[in-house]
Amino acid sequence: MSASSPTLLVTGASGQLGRRVVELLLESHHGPLIVTTRAPAKLADLAARGVIVRKADFDDAASLDAAFAGAQRLLLISTDALDVPGRRITQHQNAVDAARRAGVRHIVYTSLTRPEPDSPVTIAKDHWATEQSLEKSGLGFTVLRNNFYADLLLHSLPRAVATGQLVAATGTGATAFVTREDCARVAVAALVSAFDGKRTLDVTGPAAVSHEELARLVSKLTGRPVQYLAVDAASLTAGMVSHGLPAPLAEAIASFDVAVAEGRMDKPSPAVAELTGGAPASIASFLEKHREALQAAH
């Protein structure tokens, strides 16, 4: 095995981010590639393209030794286990421990902007605990603190266009929205990099945008008047629950708005350009690309 093509491993490869990372790696990386998933049958097409597909259950620590065997650089995509408090922390700890046992040299981890203990974001503690696990692991790591996905706006903005109101609890705060595509590009760059130390990078779009600016932008793109309606987090949560969203999910979404209102999500970073050589997509260009989706009222 040449030093220039270490064996790479991507966890959560059947998820949206993981799948895109694998596609990008297949375009650019010519070394061995392992992917893990809870449902290997979903990735049969990747196996047919020469990817080593393995089953991994992060709740079963012992199963991860075989899943991670032979990997040298590993992308740990945070799991979607939000049902039981603390479950995701245990899952990630299991993965870090197994990576160490398997001889992985470097872990790239998808974290969250400013996940410190005082963060109002309900899922921040999972990311903070995982970052601490990496710090104590003795392994090299790259923590990618991804800002709020621009892609998630495609769930809320069509309703805003339909009703004429963009309801949020962000106050006058702004968000340095980043696209999932740019997060995938950065993850690939970090994974194939020769960097073997420890680093924590903020992954953002090129500029911070407030919800008032978002409303103006969407109005312009769709030709439909949209006004920003600022509410408090409790009202926002109640409104989402009344529209059928489970309370824990509504609370999590509202908690991001609180973080934005507190000025925690508004610092643009050069990481995307520095790691990938290409500028991150702006929120205006992203929404322009998805203009039709904005008109698709719920």
C-alpha atoms as a PDB file:
ATOM      1  CA  MET A   1       0.000   0.000   0.000  1.00  0.00           C
ATOM      2  CA  SER A   2       1.527   3.293  -1.058  1.00  0.00           C
ATOM      3  CA  ALA A   3       1.480   6.205   1.356  1.00  0.00           C
ATOM      4  CA  SER A   4      -0.342   8.218  -1.293  1.00  0.00           C
ATOM      5  CA  SER A   5      -3.467   6.038  -1.272  1.00  0.00           C
ATOM      6  CA  PRO A   6      -4.456   5.017   2.255  1.00  0.00           C
ATOM      7  CA  THR A   7      -7.529   2.875   2.785  1.00  0.00           C
ATOM      8  CA  LEU A   8     -10.441   5.235   3.431  1.00  0.00           C
ATOM      9  CA  LEU A   9     -13.671   4.431   5.267  1.00  0.00           C
ATOM     10  CA  VAL A  10     -16.958   6.345   5.231  1.00  0.00           C
ATOM     11  CA  THR A  11     -19.622   5.567   7.849  1.00  0.00           C
ATOM     12  CA  GLY A  12     -23.322   6.227   7.274  1.00  0.00           C
ATOM     13  CA  ALA A  13     -22.830   5.795   3.544  1.00  0.00           C
ATOM     14  CA  SER A  14     -26.509   5.268   2.802  1.00  0.00           C
ATOM     15  CA  GLY A  15     -27.397   8.700   4.212  1.00  0.00           C
ATOM     16  CA  GLN A  16     -27.566  11.791   2.014  1.00  0.00           C
ATOM     17  CA  LEU A  17     -24.211  13.255   3.045  1.00  0.00           C
ATOM     18  CA  GLY A  18     -22.427   9.913   3.166  1.00  0.00           C
ATOM     19  CA  ARG A  19     -23.702   8.860  -0.230  1.00  0.00           C
ATOM     20  CA  ARG A  20     -22.552  12.102  -1.824  1.00  0.00           C
ATOM     21  CA  VAL A  21     -19.109  11.800  -0.192  1.00  0.00           C
ATOM     22  CA  VAL A  22     -18.737   8.304  -1.654  1.00  0.00           C
ATOM     23  CA  GLU A  23     -19.769   9.490  -5.126  1.00  0.00           C
ATOM     24  CA  LEU A  24     -17.159  12.265  -4.994  1.00  0.00           C
ATOM     25  CA  LEU A  25     -14.492   9.834  -3.768  1.00  0.00           C
ATOM     26  CA  LEU A  26     -15.237   7.455  -6.626  1.00  0.00           C
ATOM     27  CA  GLU A  27     -14.613  10.334  -9.036  1.00  0.00           C
ATOM     28  CA  SER A  28     -11.287  11.375  -7.514  1.00  0.00           C
ATOM     29  CA  HIS A  29      -9.782   8.750  -5.176  1.00  0.00           C
ATOM     30  CA  HIS A  30      -8.104   5.666  -6.592  1.00  0.00           C
ATOM     31  CA  GLY A  31      -7.168   3.842  -3.390  1.00  0.00           C
ATOM     32  CA  PRO A  32      -9.227   1.260  -1.472  1.00  0.00           C
ATOM     33  CA  LEU A  33     -12.600   2.495  -0.211  1.00  0.00           C
ATOM     34  CA  ILE A  34     -14.682   0.920   2.561  1.00  0.00           C
ATOM     35  CA  VAL A  35     -18.189   2.103   3.426  1.00  0.00           C
ATOM     36  CA  THR A  36     -20.405   1.084   6.331  1.00  0.00           C
ATOM     37  CA  THR A  37     -24.152   1.132   6.782  1.00  0.00           C
ATOM     38  CA  ARG A  38     -26.832  -0.547   8.860  1.00  0.00           C
ATOM     39  CA  ALA A  39     -28.384  -1.827   5.614  1.00  0.00           C
ATOM     40  CA  PRO A  40     -25.715  -3.102   3.171  1.00  0.00           C
ATOM     41  CA  ALA A  41     -28.359  -4.132   0.618  1.00  0.00           C
ATOM     42  CA  LYS A  42     -29.048  -0.415   0.031  1.00  0.00           C
ATOM     43  CA  LEU A  43     -25.491  -0.023  -1.256  1.00  0.00           C
ATOM     44  CA  ALA A  44     -25.373  -2.996  -3.634  1.00  0.00           C
ATOM     45  CA  ASP A  45     -24.725  -0.601  -6.518  1.00  0.00           C
ATOM     46  CA  LEU A  46     -21.585   0.689  -4.782  1.00  0.00           C
ATOM     47  CA  ALA A  47     -20.365  -2.873  -4.171  1.00  0.00           C
ATOM     48  CA  ALA A  48     -20.779  -3.463  -7.895  1.00  0.00           C
ATOM     49  CA  ARG A  49     -18.444  -0.505  -8.494  1.00  0.00           C
ATOM     50  CA  GLY A  50     -15.677  -2.016  -6.362  1.00  0.00           C
ATOM     51  CA  VAL A  51     -16.478  -0.384  -3.032  1.00  0.00           C
ATOM     52  CA  ILE A  52     -16.101  -2.633   0.045  1.00  0.00           C
ATOM     53  CA  VAL A  53     -19.512  -2.482   1.748  1.00  0.00           C
ATOM     54  CA  ARG A  54     -19.751  -3.599   5.386  1.00  0.00           C
ATOM     55  CA  LYS A  55     -22.536  -3.713   7.946  1.00  0.00           C
ATOM     56  CA  ALA A  56     -21.923  -1.549  11.018  1.00  0.00           C
ATOM     57  CA  ASP A  57     -24.189  -1.175  14.031  1.00  0.00           C
ATOM     58  CA  PHE A  58     -22.924   1.612  16.296  1.00  0.00           C
ATOM     59  CA  ASP A  59     -25.086   0.247  19.122  1.00  0.00           C
ATOM     60  CA  ASP A  60     -23.099  -3.013  18.972  1.00  0.00           C
ATOM     61  CA  ALA A  61     -19.538  -2.007  19.869  1.00  0.00           C
ATOM     62  CA  ALA A  62     -18.074  -5.457  19.190  1.00  0.00           C
ATOM     63  CA  SER A  63     -19.391  -5.464  15.602  1.00  0.00           C
ATOM     64  CA  LEU A  64     -17.350  -2.385  14.721  1.00  0.00           C
ATOM     65  CA  ASP A  65     -13.959  -4.131  14.898  1.00  0.00           C
ATOM     66  CA  ALA A  66     -14.685  -6.126  11.754  1.00  0.00           C
ATOM     67  CA  ALA A  67     -16.426  -3.159  10.120  1.00  0.00           C
ATOM     68  CA  PHE A  68     -13.415  -0.846  10.560  1.00  0.00           C
ATOM     69  CA  ALA A  69     -10.631  -3.401   9.955  1.00  0.00           C
ATOM     70  CA  GLY A  70      -7.942  -2.190   7.586  1.00  0.00           C
ATOM     71  CA  ALA A  71      -9.028   1.453   7.451  1.00  0.00           C
ATOM     72  CA  GLN A  72      -6.414   4.159   7.904  1.00  0.00           C
ATOM     73  CA  ARG A  73      -8.495   7.328   7.550  1.00  0.00           C
ATOM     74  CA  LEU A  74     -12.152   7.307   8.605  1.00  0.00           C
ATOM     75  CA  LEU A  75     -15.022   9.717   8.075  1.00  0.00           C
ATOM     76  CA  LEU A  76     -17.360   9.456  11.076  1.00  0.00           C
ATOM     77  CA  ILE A  77     -20.682  10.973  10.009  1.00  0.00           C
ATOM     78  CA  SER A  78     -22.770  11.741  13.081  1.00  0.00           C
ATOM     79  CA  THR A  79     -25.637   9.285  13.399  1.00  0.00           C
ATOM     80  CA  ASP A  80     -29.328  10.126  13.304  1.00  0.00           C
ATOM     81  CA  ALA A  81     -30.085   8.482  16.671  1.00  0.00           C
ATOM     82  CA  LEU A  82     -31.939  11.337  18.355  1.00  0.00           C
ATOM     83  CA  ASP A  83     -34.679   9.244  19.976  1.00  0.00           C
ATOM     84  CA  VAL A  84     -32.988   8.512  23.306  1.00  0.00           C
ATOM     85  CA  PRO A  85     -30.873  11.161  25.116  1.00  0.00           C
ATOM     86  CA  GLY A  86     -27.246  10.038  25.239  1.00  0.00           C
ATOM     87  CA  ARG A  87     -27.630   7.242  22.706  1.00  0.00           C
ATOM     88  CA  ARG A  88     -25.731   9.094  20.003  1.00  0.00           C
ATOM     89  CA  ILE A  89     -22.882   9.931  22.406  1.00  0.00           C
ATOM     90  CA  THR A  90     -22.490   6.223  23.176  1.00  0.00           C
ATOM     91  CA  GLN A  91     -22.635   5.326  19.483  1.00  0.00           C
ATOM     92  CA  HIS A  92     -19.924   7.818  18.598  1.00  0.00           C
ATOM     93  CA  GLN A  93     -17.764   6.718  21.536  1.00  0.00           C
ATOM     94  CA  ASN A  94     -18.088   3.125  20.327  1.00  0.00           C
ATOM     95  CA  ALA A  95     -16.935   4.228  16.875  1.00  0.00           C
ATOM     96  CA  VAL A  96     -13.936   6.189  18.167  1.00  0.00           C
ATOM     97  CA  ASP A  97     -12.862   3.287  20.391  1.00  0.00           C
ATOM     98  CA  ALA A  98     -13.213   0.794  17.539  1.00  0.00           C
ATOM     99  CA  ALA A  99     -11.265   3.055  15.185  1.00  0.00           C
ATOM    100  CA  ARG A 100      -8.414   3.162  17.673  1.00  0.00           C
ATOM    101  CA  ARG A 101      -8.430  -0.629  18.038  1.00  0.00           C
ATOM    102  CA  ALA A 102      -8.502  -1.045  14.251  1.00  0.00           C
ATOM    103  CA  GLY A 103      -5.407   1.096  13.788  1.00  0.00           C
ATOM    104  CA  VAL A 104      -7.135   4.049  12.139  1.00  0.00           C
ATOM    105  CA  ARG A 105      -4.719   6.991  12.089  1.00  0.00           C
ATOM    106  CA  HIS A 106      -7.094   9.886  11.468  1.00  0.00           C
ATOM    107  CA  ILE A 107     -10.804  10.495  12.024  1.00  0.00           C
ATOM    108  CA  VAL A 108     -12.782  13.181  10.220  1.00  0.00           C
ATOM    109  CA  TYR A 109     -15.964  13.970  12.171  1.00  0.00           C
ATOM    110  CA  THR A 110     -19.052  15.947  11.128  1.00  0.00           C
ATOM    111  CA  SER A 111     -19.876  18.206  14.062  1.00  0.00           C
ATOM    112  CA  LEU A 112     -21.861  21.393  14.563  1.00  0.00           C
ATOM    113  CA  THR A 113     -21.071  25.100  14.777  1.00  0.00           C
ATOM    114  CA  ARG A 114     -20.151  26.089  18.351  1.00  0.00           C
ATOM    115  CA  PRO A 115     -21.332  22.965  20.220  1.00  0.00           C
ATOM    116  CA  GLU A 116     -19.892  24.108  23.565  1.00  0.00           C
ATOM    117  CA  PRO A 117     -21.790  23.217  26.762  1.00  0.00           C
ATOM    118  CA  ASP A 118     -23.592  26.587  26.834  1.00  0.00           C
ATOM    119  CA  SER A 119     -25.121  26.062  23.368  1.00  0.00           C
ATOM    120  CA  PRO A 120     -28.935  26.265  23.312  1.00  0.00           C
ATOM    121  CA  VAL A 121     -29.058  23.707  20.487  1.00  0.00           C
ATOM    122  CA  THR A 122     -30.576  20.499  21.857  1.00  0.00           C
ATOM    123  CA  ILE A 123     -28.243  18.196  19.900  1.00  0.00           C
ATOM    124  CA  ALA A 124     -25.067  20.192  20.633  1.00  0.00           C
ATOM    125  CA  LYS A 125     -24.139  18.078  23.653  1.00  0.00           C
ATOM    126  CA  ASP A 126     -23.812  14.983  21.436  1.00  0.00           C
ATOM    127  CA  HIS A 127     -21.285  16.745  19.228  1.00  0.00           C
ATOM    128  CA  TRP A 128     -19.407  18.286  22.142  1.00  0.00           C
ATOM    129  CA  ALA A 129     -19.041  14.895  23.850  1.00  0.00           C
ATOM    130  CA  THR A 130     -17.793  13.339  20.603  1.00  0.00           C
ATOM    131  CA  GLU A 131     -15.246  16.118  20.120  1.00  0.00           C
ATOM    132  CA  GLN A 132     -13.992  15.429  23.659  1.00  0.00           C
ATOM    133  CA  SER A 133     -13.761  11.707  22.849  1.00  0.00           C
ATOM    134  CA  LEU A 134     -11.603  12.499  19.830  1.00  0.00           C
ATOM    135  CA  GLU A 135      -9.387  14.785  21.903  1.00  0.00           C
ATOM    136  CA  LYS A 136      -8.783  11.967  24.391  1.00  0.00           C
ATOM    137  CA  SER A 137      -8.415   9.205  21.789  1.00  0.00           C
ATOM    138  CA  GLY A 138      -4.771   9.808  20.932  1.00  0.00           C
ATOM    139  CA  LEU A 139      -5.711   9.736  17.232  1.00  0.00           C
ATOM    140  CA  GLY A 140      -5.291  12.482  14.678  1.00  0.00           C
ATOM    141  CA  PHE A 141      -8.591  14.173  13.855  1.00  0.00           C
ATOM    142  CA  THR A 142     -10.315  16.815  11.784  1.00  0.00           C
ATOM    143  CA  VAL A 143     -13.536  18.128  13.297  1.00  0.00           C
ATOM    144  CA  LEU A 144     -15.800  19.704  10.680  1.00  0.00           C
ATOM    145  CA  ARG A 145     -18.212  22.033  12.468  1.00  0.00           C
ATOM    146  CA  ASN A 146     -20.861  22.274   9.769  1.00  0.00           C
ATOM    147  CA  ASN A 147     -23.181  25.277   9.904  1.00  0.00           C
ATOM    148  CA  PHE A 148     -26.922  24.981   9.233  1.00  0.00           C
ATOM    149  CA  TYR A 149     -27.625  23.216   5.907  1.00  0.00           C
ATOM    150  CA  ALA A 150     -29.065  25.493   3.240  1.00  0.00           C
ATOM    151  CA  ASP A 151     -30.824  22.354   1.956  1.00  0.00           C
ATOM    152  CA  LEU A 152     -33.077  22.299   5.035  1.00  0.00           C
ATOM    153  CA  LEU A 153     -34.587  25.613   3.919  1.00  0.00           C
ATOM    154  CA  LEU A 154     -36.271  23.724   1.088  1.00  0.00           C
ATOM    155  CA  HIS A 155     -38.570  22.238   3.773  1.00  0.00           C
ATOM    156  CA  SER A 156     -39.595  25.583   5.297  1.00  0.00           C
ATOM    157  CA  LEU A 157     -39.422  28.142   2.495  1.00  0.00           C
ATOM    158  CA  PRO A 158     -42.123  26.677   0.212  1.00  0.00           C
ATOM    159  CA  ARG A 159     -44.593  27.105   3.091  1.00  0.00           C
ATOM    160  CA  ALA A 160     -43.378  30.680   3.562  1.00  0.00           C
ATOM    161  CA  VAL A 161     -43.988  31.369  -0.126  1.00  0.00           C
ATOM    162  CA  ALA A 162     -47.466  29.813   0.082  1.00  0.00           C
ATOM    163  CA  THR A 163     -48.523  31.742   3.200  1.00  0.00           C
ATOM    164  CA  GLY A 164     -46.555  34.939   2.635  1.00  0.00           C
ATOM    165  CA  GLN A 165     -44.918  34.595   6.055  1.00  0.00           C
ATOM    166  CA  LEU A 166     -41.493  33.282   6.986  1.00  0.00           C
ATOM    167  CA  VAL A 167     -41.904  32.453  10.667  1.00  0.00           C
ATOM    168  CA  ALA A 168     -38.755  32.034  12.763  1.00  0.00           C
ATOM    169  CA  ALA A 169     -37.330  32.686  16.215  1.00  0.00           C
ATOM    170  CA  THR A 170     -33.996  33.976  14.914  1.00  0.00           C
ATOM    171  CA  GLY A 171     -34.621  37.604  15.906  1.00  0.00           C
ATOM    172  CA  THR A 172     -32.179  39.831  14.022  1.00  0.00           C
ATOM    173  CA  GLY A 173     -29.526  37.085  13.975  1.00  0.00           C
ATOM    174  CA  ALA A 174     -27.953  35.718  10.807  1.00  0.00           C
ATOM    175  CA  THR A 175     -26.818  32.270   9.655  1.00  0.00           C
ATOM    176  CA  ALA A 176     -23.799  31.385   7.507  1.00  0.00           C
ATOM    177  CA  PHE A 177     -25.821  28.690   5.687  1.00  0.00           C
ATOM    178  CA  VAL A 178     -23.736  26.010   3.956  1.00  0.00           C
ATOM    179  CA  THR A 179     -24.923  23.550   1.310  1.00  0.00           C
ATOM    180  CA  ARG A 180     -24.775  19.803   1.881  1.00  0.00           C
ATOM    181  CA  GLU A 181     -22.746  19.619  -1.337  1.00  0.00           C
ATOM    182  CA  ASP A 182     -20.064  21.903   0.107  1.00  0.00           C
ATOM    183  CA  CYS A 183     -20.025  19.854   3.329  1.00  0.00           C
ATOM    184  CA  ALA A 184     -19.476  16.732   1.217  1.00  0.00           C
ATOM    185  CA  ARG A 185     -16.670  18.387  -0.730  1.00  0.00           C
ATOM    186  CA  VAL A 186     -14.932  19.461   2.481  1.00  0.00           C
ATOM    187  CA  ALA A 187     -15.333  16.000   4.029  1.00  0.00           C
ATOM    188  CA  VAL A 188     -13.716  14.420   0.966  1.00  0.00           C
ATOM    189  CA  ALA A 189     -10.847  16.904   1.022  1.00  0.00           C
ATOM    190  CA  ALA A 190     -10.222  16.297   4.729  1.00  0.00           C
ATOM    191  CA  LEU A 191     -10.415  12.530   4.323  1.00  0.00           C
ATOM    192  CA  VAL A 192      -7.930  12.309   1.425  1.00  0.00           C
ATOM    193  CA  SER A 193      -5.617  14.929   2.942  1.00  0.00           C
ATOM    194  CA  ALA A 194      -2.179  13.974   4.266  1.00  0.00           C
ATOM    195  CA  PHE A 195      -2.906  16.054   7.389  1.00  0.00           C
ATOM    196  CA  ASP A 196      -2.411  13.839  10.421  1.00  0.00           C
ATOM    197  CA  GLY A 197      -2.569  16.241  13.396  1.00  0.00           C
ATOM    198  CA  LYS A 198      -5.563  17.695  15.224  1.00  0.00           C
ATOM    199  CA  ARG A 199      -7.732  20.498  13.865  1.00  0.00           C
ATOM    200  CA  THR A 200     -11.236  21.907  14.264  1.00  0.00           C
ATOM    201  CA  LEU A 201     -12.690  23.784  11.297  1.00  0.00           C
ATOM    202  CA  ASP A 202     -15.882  25.816  10.892  1.00  0.00           C
ATOM    203  CA  VAL A 203     -17.589  24.881   7.620  1.00  0.00           C
ATOM    204  CA  THR A 204     -19.844  27.674   6.360  1.00  0.00           C
ATOM    205  CA  GLY A 205     -21.175  29.453   3.339  1.00  0.00           C
ATOM    206  CA  PRO A 206     -19.541  32.689   2.130  1.00  0.00           C
ATOM    207  CA  ALA A 207     -21.731  35.107   4.127  1.00  0.00           C
ATOM    208  CA  ALA A 208     -24.283  35.221   6.932  1.00  0.00           C
ATOM    209  CA  VAL A 209     -27.908  35.879   5.979  1.00  0.00           C
ATOM    210  CA  SER A 210     -30.737  36.957   8.295  1.00  0.00           C
ATOM    211  CA  HIS A 211     -34.288  35.656   7.980  1.00  0.00           C
ATOM    212  CA  GLU A 212     -35.404  39.130   6.945  1.00  0.00           C
ATOM    213  CA  GLU A 213     -32.897  38.954   4.073  1.00  0.00           C
ATOM    214  CA  LEU A 214     -34.070  35.410   3.285  1.00  0.00           C
ATOM    215  CA  ALA A 215     -37.661  36.620   3.009  1.00  0.00           C
ATOM    216  CA  ARG A 216     -36.621  39.391   0.593  1.00  0.00           C
ATOM    217  CA  LEU A 217     -34.555  36.960  -1.455  1.00  0.00           C
ATOM    218  CA  VAL A 218     -37.382  34.438  -1.733  1.00  0.00           C
ATOM    219  CA  SER A 219     -39.849  37.176  -2.662  1.00  0.00           C
ATOM    220  CA  LYS A 220     -37.560  38.265  -5.473  1.00  0.00           C
ATOM    221  CA  LEU A 221     -36.992  34.714  -6.743  1.00  0.00           C
ATOM    222  CA  THR A 222     -40.657  33.682  -6.718  1.00  0.00           C
ATOM    223  CA  GLY A 223     -42.429  36.963  -7.395  1.00  0.00           C
ATOM    224  CA  ARG A 224     -44.559  36.291  -4.318  1.00  0.00           C
ATOM    225  CA  PRO A 225     -44.500  38.665  -1.325  1.00  0.00           C
ATOM    226  CA  VAL A 226     -42.952  37.031   1.750  1.00  0.00           C
ATOM    227  CA  GLN A 227     -42.573  38.821   5.095  1.00  0.00           C
ATOM    228  CA  TYR A 228     -40.401  37.709   7.985  1.00  0.00           C
ATOM    229  CA  LEU A 229     -42.458  37.185  11.141  1.00  0.00           C
ATOM    230  CA  ALA A 230     -40.298  37.049  14.271  1.00  0.00           C
ATOM    231  CA  VAL A 231     -41.719  34.923  17.093  1.00  0.00           C
ATOM    232  CA  ASP A 232     -40.298  33.455  20.293  1.00  0.00           C
ATOM    233  CA  ALA A 233     -38.999  29.874  20.443  1.00  0.00           C
ATOM    234  CA  ALA A 234     -41.961  28.567  22.459  1.00  0.00           C
ATOM    235  CA  SER A 235     -44.463  29.916  19.914  1.00  0.00           C
ATOM    236  CA  LEU A 236     -42.427  28.504  17.032  1.00  0.00           C
ATOM    237  CA  THR A 237     -42.295  25.076  18.693  1.00  0.00           C
ATOM    238  CA  ALA A 238     -46.046  25.109  19.402  1.00  0.00           C
ATOM    239  CA  GLY A 239     -46.771  26.067  15.807  1.00  0.00           C
ATOM    240  CA  MET A 240     -44.663  23.230  14.408  1.00  0.00           C
ATOM    241  CA  VAL A 241     -46.271  20.707  16.763  1.00  0.00           C
ATOM    242  CA  SER A 242     -49.729  21.926  15.692  1.00  0.00           C
ATOM    243  CA  HIS A 243     -48.717  21.148  12.107  1.00  0.00           C
ATOM    244  CA  GLY A 244     -47.896  17.565  13.048  1.00  0.00           C
ATOM    245  CA  LEU A 245     -44.186  17.701  13.864  1.00  0.00           C
ATOM    246  CA  PRO A 246     -43.096  15.545  16.831  1.00  0.00           C
ATOM    247  CA  ALA A 247     -42.334  17.749  19.845  1.00  0.00           C
ATOM    248  CA  PRO A 248     -38.646  16.726  20.211  1.00  0.00           C
ATOM    249  CA  LEU A 249     -37.991  17.561  16.545  1.00  0.00           C
ATOM    250  CA  ALA A 250     -39.849  20.879  16.829  1.00  0.00           C
ATOM    251  CA  GLU A 251     -37.827  21.752  19.937  1.00  0.00           C
ATOM    252  CA  ALA A 252     -34.574  20.873  18.150  1.00  0.00           C
ATOM    253  CA  ILE A 253     -35.429  23.097  15.177  1.00  0.00           C
ATOM    254  CA  ALA A 254     -36.437  25.979  17.449  1.00  0.00           C
ATOM    255  CA  SER A 255     -33.218  25.588  19.430  1.00  0.00           C
ATOM    256  CA  PHE A 256     -31.212  26.304  16.275  1.00  0.00           C
ATOM    257  CA  ASP A 257     -33.182  29.532  15.876  1.00  0.00           C
ATOM    258  CA  VAL A 258     -32.241  30.498  19.441  1.00  0.00           C
ATOM    259  CA  ALA A 259     -28.563  29.896  18.609  1.00  0.00           C
ATOM    260  CA  VAL A 260     -28.924  32.139  15.557  1.00  0.00           C
ATOM    261  CA  ALA A 261     -30.636  34.847  17.618  1.00  0.00           C
ATOM    262  CA  GLU A 262     -27.729  34.702  20.087  1.00  0.00           C
ATOM    263  CA  GLY A 263     -25.227  35.292  17.267  1.00  0.00           C
ATOM    264  CA  ARG A 264     -23.690  31.812  17.356  1.00  0.00           C
ATOM    265  CA  MET A 265     -24.108  30.865  13.693  1.00  0.00           C
ATOM    266  CA  ASP A 266     -23.075  34.002  11.819  1.00  0.00           C
ATOM    267  CA  LYS A 267     -19.287  33.780  11.390  1.00  0.00           C
ATOM    268  CA  PRO A 268     -18.245  32.897   7.830  1.00  0.00           C
ATOM    269  CA  SER A 269     -15.118  30.748   7.562  1.00  0.00           C
ATOM    270  CA  PRO A 270     -12.672  30.187   4.674  1.00  0.00           C
ATOM    271  CA  ALA A 271     -12.538  26.409   5.258  1.00  0.00           C
ATOM    272  CA  VAL A 272     -14.494  25.348   2.150  1.00  0.00           C
ATOM    273  CA  ALA A 273     -12.276  27.317  -0.210  1.00  0.00           C
ATOM    274  CA  GLU A 274      -9.074  26.432   1.651  1.00  0.00           C
ATOM    275  CA  LEU A 275      -9.729  22.680   1.668  1.00  0.00           C
ATOM    276  CA  THR A 276     -11.400  22.236  -1.716  1.00  0.00           C
ATOM    277  CA  GLY A 277      -9.924  25.048  -3.806  1.00  0.00           C
ATOM    278  CA  GLY A 278     -13.440  26.160  -4.747  1.00  0.00           C
ATOM    279  CA  ALA A 279     -15.610  28.839  -3.155  1.00  0.00           C
ATOM    280  CA  PRO A 280     -18.703  27.757  -1.206  1.00  0.00           C
ATOM    281  CA  ALA A 281     -22.120  28.323  -2.765  1.00  0.00           C
ATOM    282  CA  SER A 282     -23.983  31.436  -1.645  1.00  0.00           C
ATOM    283  CA  ILE A 283     -27.514  31.143  -0.323  1.00  0.00           C
ATOM    284  CA  ALA A 284     -28.724  33.226  -3.286  1.00  0.00           C
ATOM    285  CA  SER A 285     -27.183  30.860  -5.848  1.00  0.00           C
ATOM    286  CA  PHE A 286     -28.468  27.804  -3.967  1.00  0.00           C
ATOM    287  CA  LEU A 287     -32.045  29.097  -3.856  1.00  0.00           C
ATOM    288  CA  GLU A 288     -31.865  30.214  -7.482  1.00  0.00           C
ATOM    289  CA  LYS A 289     -30.903  26.647  -8.397  1.00  0.00           C
ATOM    290  CA  HIS A 290     -33.924  25.342  -6.472  1.00  0.00           C
ATOM    291  CA  ARG A 291     -36.383  28.037  -7.507  1.00  0.00           C
ATOM    292  CA  GLU A 292     -39.008  25.494  -8.609  1.00  0.00           C
ATOM    293  CA  ALA A 293     -38.986  23.795  -5.202  1.00  0.00           C
ATOM    294  CA  LEU A 294     -39.741  27.140  -3.548  1.00  0.00           C
ATOM    295  CA  GLN A 295     -42.987  27.385  -5.516  1.00  0.00           C
ATOM    296  CA  ALA A 296     -44.107  23.893  -4.450  1.00  0.00           C
ATOM    297  CA  ALA A 297     -46.459  24.880  -1.635  1.00  0.00           C
ATOM    298  CA  HIS A 298     -47.228  22.314   1.059  1.00  0.00           C
END
